[in-house]
Amino acid sequence: MSIELAETTHNQVALLALAWGVSESEAVQRLVEHFQRTSTPKKSSKEGMIDVHALYEGVRVEGFYDPAAESVTVTRGPAQGRYKSPSGAAAAVLRAQNPKVSASRNGWSFWIITDTASPLQTIRN
């Protein structure tokens, strides 16, 4: 089986293969495996949960997202507790950290999946 690649893409794969000391096919396999590992968020130590965090005004807030309930529990930082939605959790963090600003936030873009550094939005149902 073979696939067609643009010349520049083939040259990049060949360069990676040379650097890694493997065949071009093995280089592609490594890239695919790396993508699979980094694009699938790992579950939190809490069963079925996904570790998330946010940075707001230089403060890192940590918690976990429950995909079944679509809720966020803040475990470290301001506004610790369980919230019915990512946006509710984001608003609570904003109110706790800076009561003078509007607490209206899209929690799906506020929270970051810790393992992949992707916005929570990327796994939204």
Protein backbone atom coordinates (compact mmCIF):
# COMPACT_ATOMS: atom_id res chain seq x y z
CA MET A 1 0.00 0.00 0.00
CA SER A 2 1.25 3.51 -0.73
CA ILE A 3 0.10 7.09 -0.37
CA GLU A 4 0.93 10.11 -2.49
CA LEU A 5 2.70 12.99 -0.80
CA ALA A 6 3.64 16.41 -2.01
CA GLU A 7 7.39 16.63 -2.57
CA THR A 8 7.92 19.00 0.35
CA THR A 9 5.96 16.70 2.68
CA HIS A 10 7.94 13.68 1.49
CA ASN A 11 11.19 15.56 2.10
CA GLN A 12 10.07 16.39 5.65
CA VAL A 13 9.17 12.76 6.35
CA ALA A 14 12.51 11.65 4.90
CA LEU A 15 14.34 14.15 7.12
CA LEU A 16 12.51 12.88 10.22
CA ALA A 17 13.28 9.28 9.28
CA LEU A 18 16.95 10.16 8.88
CA ALA A 19 17.03 12.00 12.22
CA TRP A 20 15.32 9.12 14.02
CA GLY A 21 17.32 6.43 12.23
CA VAL A 22 14.19 4.65 10.96
CA SER A 23 12.48 4.03 7.64
CA GLU A 24 10.12 6.63 6.20
CA SER A 25 7.22 4.28 6.91
CA GLU A 26 8.27 3.99 10.57
CA ALA A 27 8.58 7.80 10.79
CA VAL A 28 4.98 8.19 9.62
CA GLN A 29 3.89 5.51 12.09
CA ARG A 30 5.62 7.38 14.96
CA LEU A 31 3.91 10.64 13.95
CA VAL A 32 0.49 8.98 13.86
CA GLU A 33 1.06 7.32 17.24
CA HIS A 34 2.18 10.64 18.72
CA PHE A 35 -0.95 12.35 17.40
CA GLN A 36 -3.16 9.61 18.84
CA ARG A 37 -1.56 9.96 22.28
CA THR A 38 -1.77 13.75 22.40
CA SER A 39 -5.22 14.20 20.89
CA THR A 40 -7.00 11.87 23.33
CA PRO A 41 -7.19 13.43 26.77
CA LYS A 42 -6.23 11.15 29.61
CA LYS A 43 -8.72 10.53 32.35
CA SER A 44 -8.15 12.17 35.68
CA SER A 45 -7.29 10.15 38.76
CA LYS A 46 -11.00 10.48 39.49
CA GLU A 47 -12.83 7.80 37.50
CA GLY A 48 -14.04 9.08 34.12
CA MET A 49 -12.95 12.69 34.71
CA ILE A 50 -10.63 14.81 32.56
CA ASP A 51 -8.07 17.14 34.15
CA VAL A 52 -8.56 20.79 33.18
CA HIS A 53 -7.04 24.11 34.14
CA ALA A 54 -7.33 27.80 33.38
CA LEU A 55 -5.01 30.77 33.74
CA TYR A 56 -6.64 34.01 34.79
CA GLU A 57 -4.71 37.10 35.88
CA GLY A 58 -1.59 34.99 36.38
CA VAL A 59 -3.35 32.48 38.64
CA ARG A 60 -3.58 28.84 37.61
CA VAL A 61 -6.88 27.25 38.53
CA GLU A 62 -7.15 23.45 38.37
CA GLY A 63 -10.00 21.03 38.34
CA PHE A 64 -11.64 18.25 36.42
CA TYR A 65 -14.38 17.98 33.84
CA ASP A 66 -17.09 15.33 34.11
CA PRO A 67 -18.11 14.44 30.53
CA ALA A 68 -21.26 12.63 31.65
CA ALA A 69 -22.64 15.61 33.59
CA GLU A 70 -20.79 18.28 31.56
CA SER A 71 -19.78 19.80 34.90
CA VAL A 72 -16.51 21.22 36.21
CA THR A 73 -15.15 20.81 39.71
CA VAL A 74 -12.52 23.38 40.71
CA THR A 75 -9.99 21.67 42.98
CA ARG A 76 -7.22 24.26 43.28
CA GLY A 77 -7.38 28.04 43.09
CA PRO A 78 -10.19 30.49 43.69
CA ALA A 79 -13.84 29.34 43.70
CA GLN A 80 -13.23 25.72 44.64
CA GLY A 81 -16.30 23.56 44.29
CA ARG A 82 -18.50 21.77 41.77
CA TYR A 83 -20.35 23.71 39.05
CA LYS A 84 -23.13 22.54 36.74
CA SER A 85 -21.35 23.79 33.63
CA PRO A 86 -17.92 24.89 32.42
CA SER A 87 -19.29 28.44 32.02
CA GLY A 88 -20.63 28.47 35.57
CA ALA A 89 -17.23 27.40 36.87
CA ALA A 90 -15.48 30.03 34.75
CA ALA A 91 -17.84 32.76 36.02
CA ALA A 92 -17.20 31.71 39.63
CA VAL A 93 -13.44 31.92 39.10
CA LEU A 94 -13.75 35.39 37.59
CA ARG A 95 -16.01 36.63 40.41
CA ALA A 96 -13.61 35.26 43.04
CA GLN A 97 -10.47 36.59 41.37
CA ASN A 98 -11.74 39.96 40.16
CA PRO A 99 -15.28 40.94 41.29
CA LYS A 100 -15.12 44.17 39.25
CA VAL A 101 -15.19 42.46 35.83
CA SER A 102 -18.15 40.91 34.09
CA ALA A 103 -18.20 37.26 35.04
CA SER A 104 -19.79 36.23 31.75
CA ARG A 105 -17.42 33.79 30.01
CA ASN A 106 -17.67 30.88 27.63
CA GLY A 107 -16.39 28.10 29.86
CA TRP A 108 -15.80 25.80 26.91
CA SER A 109 -13.00 28.10 25.73
CA PHE A 110 -11.93 29.23 29.25
CA TRP A 111 -10.97 25.74 30.44
CA ILE A 112 -7.97 23.94 28.93
CA ILE A 113 -7.53 20.16 28.86
CA THR A 114 -4.34 19.74 30.84
CA ASP A 115 -2.94 16.75 28.90
CA THR A 116 -3.44 18.16 25.42
CA ALA A 117 -3.38 21.95 26.02
CA SER A 118 -6.54 22.14 23.90
CA PRO A 119 -9.65 24.12 24.84
CA LEU A 120 -12.38 22.05 26.49
CA GLN A 121 -14.48 22.97 23.43
CA THR A 122 -12.55 20.38 21.39
CA ILE A 123 -14.29 17.49 23.16
CA ARG A 124 -17.71 19.10 23.57
CA ASN A 125 -20.56 16.76 22.65
